[in-house]
Amino acid sequence: LIETMAQLAGAGLLAGDPYVRSLTGDLLGVLASVRKCVFKHPVLPHREVEFTIQCRQMAPMAVQVAATVHADQIEVAQLDILVVYTSRQQLLSTMAGA
């Protein structure tokens, strides 16, 4: 659920946020931290899951993303993460050195 939320937020910001679209360079949004994660009910495989996501710019290259997650109209999780934008080249060079 956390990774899905990060992917949805990243894609949504790139598609709909004028500030994020104005950033120059070959940038990638990456999950930087999980600030809060509360799982309330299990989610069984093949269940439809609905995310309600709110984003707030925290710094020029960082976005706080908060969400409530529902499955079968039951709240199953509350999540709060930090997504940061980094250059693709920097990320790849960091990964190569690991």
C-alpha atoms as a PDB file:
ATOM      1  CA  LEU A   1       0.000   0.000   0.000  1.00  0.00           C
ATOM      2  CA  ILE A   2       2.839   2.411   0.796  1.00  0.00           C
ATOM      3  CA  GLU A   3       4.591   1.889  -2.542  1.00  0.00           C
ATOM      4  CA  THR A   4       1.291   2.168  -4.423  1.00  0.00           C
ATOM      5  CA  MET A   5       0.571   5.463  -2.692  1.00  0.00           C
ATOM      6  CA  ALA A   6       4.028   6.810  -3.551  1.00  0.00           C
ATOM      7  CA  GLN A   7       3.576   5.813  -7.214  1.00  0.00           C
ATOM      8  CA  LEU A   8       0.101   7.373  -7.406  1.00  0.00           C
ATOM      9  CA  ALA A   9       1.268  10.604  -5.768  1.00  0.00           C
ATOM     10  CA  GLY A  10       4.327  10.853  -8.007  1.00  0.00           C
ATOM     11  CA  ALA A  11       2.326  10.289 -11.174  1.00  0.00           C
ATOM     12  CA  GLY A  12      -0.424  12.643 -10.033  1.00  0.00           C
ATOM     13  CA  LEU A  13       2.007  15.426  -9.180  1.00  0.00           C
ATOM     14  CA  LEU A  14       3.800  15.097 -12.513  1.00  0.00           C
ATOM     15  CA  ALA A  15       0.490  15.169 -14.366  1.00  0.00           C
ATOM     16  CA  GLY A  16      -1.359  17.826 -12.427  1.00  0.00           C
ATOM     17  CA  ASP A  17       0.903  20.059 -10.356  1.00  0.00           C
ATOM     18  CA  PRO A  18       2.207  23.109 -12.262  1.00  0.00           C
ATOM     19  CA  TYR A  19       5.156  23.561  -9.881  1.00  0.00           C
ATOM     20  CA  VAL A  20       6.373  19.964 -10.195  1.00  0.00           C
ATOM     21  CA  ARG A  21       5.956  20.104 -13.980  1.00  0.00           C
ATOM     22  CA  SER A  22       8.070  23.284 -14.040  1.00  0.00           C
ATOM     23  CA  LEU A  23      11.079  21.598 -12.416  1.00  0.00           C
ATOM     24  CA  THR A  24      13.925  21.262 -14.879  1.00  0.00           C
ATOM     25  CA  GLY A  25      16.173  18.292 -15.393  1.00  0.00           C
ATOM     26  CA  ASP A  26      15.627  14.573 -15.620  1.00  0.00           C
ATOM     27  CA  LEU A  27      14.039  14.169 -12.173  1.00  0.00           C
ATOM     28  CA  LEU A  28      12.554  11.157 -10.443  1.00  0.00           C
ATOM     29  CA  GLY A  29      10.262  11.212  -7.434  1.00  0.00           C
ATOM     30  CA  VAL A  30      11.407   8.707  -4.823  1.00  0.00           C
ATOM     31  CA  LEU A  31       9.967   7.544  -1.524  1.00  0.00           C
ATOM     32  CA  ALA A  32      12.236   9.208   1.040  1.00  0.00           C
ATOM     33  CA  SER A  33      10.544   8.301   4.317  1.00  0.00           C
ATOM     34  CA  VAL A  34       7.457   6.884   5.930  1.00  0.00           C
ATOM     35  CA  ARG A  35       6.310   9.414   8.501  1.00  0.00           C
ATOM     36  CA  LYS A  36       3.207   7.571   9.711  1.00  0.00           C
ATOM     37  CA  CYS A  37       1.731   4.205   8.840  1.00  0.00           C
ATOM     38  CA  VAL A  38      -1.333   2.760  10.539  1.00  0.00           C
ATOM     39  CA  PHE A  39      -2.852  -0.434   9.183  1.00  0.00           C
ATOM     40  CA  LYS A  40      -6.372  -0.946  10.535  1.00  0.00           C
ATOM     41  CA  HIS A  41      -7.596  -4.007   8.604  1.00  0.00           C
ATOM     42  CA  PRO A  42      -5.979  -6.538   6.281  1.00  0.00           C
ATOM     43  CA  VAL A  43      -6.526  -6.202   2.536  1.00  0.00           C
ATOM     44  CA  LEU A  44      -7.083  -9.504   0.799  1.00  0.00           C
ATOM     45  CA  PRO A  45      -5.640 -10.172  -2.670  1.00  0.00           C
ATOM     46  CA  HIS A  46      -7.713  -9.021  -5.641  1.00  0.00           C
ATOM     47  CA  ARG A  47      -9.649  -6.465  -3.561  1.00  0.00           C
ATOM     48  CA  GLU A  48     -10.257  -3.050  -5.042  1.00  0.00           C
ATOM     49  CA  VAL A  49      -8.467  -0.377  -3.009  1.00  0.00           C
ATOM     50  CA  GLU A  50      -9.288   3.344  -3.029  1.00  0.00           C
ATOM     51  CA  PHE A  51      -6.750   6.009  -2.041  1.00  0.00           C
ATOM     52  CA  THR A  52      -7.690   9.541  -0.998  1.00  0.00           C
ATOM     53  CA  ILE A  53      -4.428  11.467  -1.300  1.00  0.00           C
ATOM     54  CA  GLN A  54      -3.465  14.985  -0.234  1.00  0.00           C
ATOM     55  CA  CYS A  55      -0.097  16.513  -1.110  1.00  0.00           C
ATOM     56  CA  ARG A  56       1.691  19.498   0.403  1.00  0.00           C
ATOM     57  CA  GLN A  57       4.932  21.038  -0.833  1.00  0.00           C
ATOM     58  CA  MET A  58       7.413  20.963   2.075  1.00  0.00           C
ATOM     59  CA  ALA A  59      10.526  22.233   0.255  1.00  0.00           C
ATOM     60  CA  PRO A  60      11.452  22.934  -3.365  1.00  0.00           C
ATOM     61  CA  MET A  61      12.167  19.232  -3.969  1.00  0.00           C
ATOM     62  CA  ALA A  62      10.064  17.552  -1.244  1.00  0.00           C
ATOM     63  CA  VAL A  63       6.356  16.772  -0.962  1.00  0.00           C
ATOM     64  CA  GLN A  64       4.473  15.439   2.047  1.00  0.00           C
ATOM     65  CA  VAL A  65       1.837  12.931   0.953  1.00  0.00           C
ATOM     66  CA  ALA A  66      -0.986  11.872   3.296  1.00  0.00           C
ATOM     67  CA  ALA A  67      -3.659   9.330   2.462  1.00  0.00           C
ATOM     68  CA  THR A  68      -6.529   7.328   3.788  1.00  0.00           C
ATOM     69  CA  VAL A  69      -7.007   3.948   2.172  1.00  0.00           C
ATOM     70  CA  HIS A  70     -10.314   2.108   1.830  1.00  0.00           C
ATOM     71  CA  ALA A  71     -11.215  -1.398   0.670  1.00  0.00           C
ATOM     72  CA  ASP A  72     -14.842  -2.472   0.440  1.00  0.00           C
ATOM     73  CA  GLN A  73     -15.798   0.931   1.930  1.00  0.00           C
ATOM     74  CA  ILE A  74     -13.811   0.157   5.114  1.00  0.00           C
ATOM     75  CA  GLU A  75     -10.854   2.322   6.107  1.00  0.00           C
ATOM     76  CA  VAL A  76      -7.883  -0.023   6.068  1.00  0.00           C
ATOM     77  CA  ALA A  77      -4.944   2.367   6.491  1.00  0.00           C
ATOM     78  CA  GLN A  78      -3.719   5.891   7.178  1.00  0.00           C
ATOM     79  CA  LEU A  79      -0.400   6.737   5.562  1.00  0.00           C
ATOM     80  CA  ASP A  80       1.926   9.747   5.586  1.00  0.00           C
ATOM     81  CA  ILE A  81       5.103   9.714   3.498  1.00  0.00           C
ATOM     82  CA  LEU A  82       7.709  12.082   2.099  1.00  0.00           C
ATOM     83  CA  VAL A  83       8.495  12.052  -1.636  1.00  0.00           C
ATOM     84  CA  VAL A  84      11.599  13.872  -2.840  1.00  0.00           C
ATOM     85  CA  TYR A  85      12.751  14.630  -6.354  1.00  0.00           C
ATOM     86  CA  THR A  86      16.305  13.786  -7.374  1.00  0.00           C
ATOM     87  CA  SER A  87      18.138  13.675 -10.656  1.00  0.00           C
ATOM     88  CA  ARG A  88      18.047  10.353 -12.443  1.00  0.00           C
ATOM     89  CA  GLN A  89      21.851  10.519 -12.883  1.00  0.00           C
ATOM     90  CA  GLN A  90      22.457  11.082  -9.159  1.00  0.00           C
ATOM     91  CA  LEU A  91      20.167   8.205  -8.225  1.00  0.00           C
ATOM     92  CA  LEU A  92      21.793   5.816 -10.714  1.00  0.00           C
ATOM     93  CA  SER A  93      25.317   6.726  -9.585  1.00  0.00           C
ATOM     94  CA  THR A  94      24.330   6.217  -5.936  1.00  0.00           C
ATOM     95  CA  MET A  95      22.834   2.820  -6.744  1.00  0.00           C
ATOM     96  CA  ALA A  96      25.925   1.783  -8.734  1.00  0.00           C
ATOM     97  CA  GLY A  97      28.150   2.554  -5.743  1.00  0.00           C
ATOM     98  CA  ALA A  98      26.038   0.514  -3.311  1.00  0.00           C
END
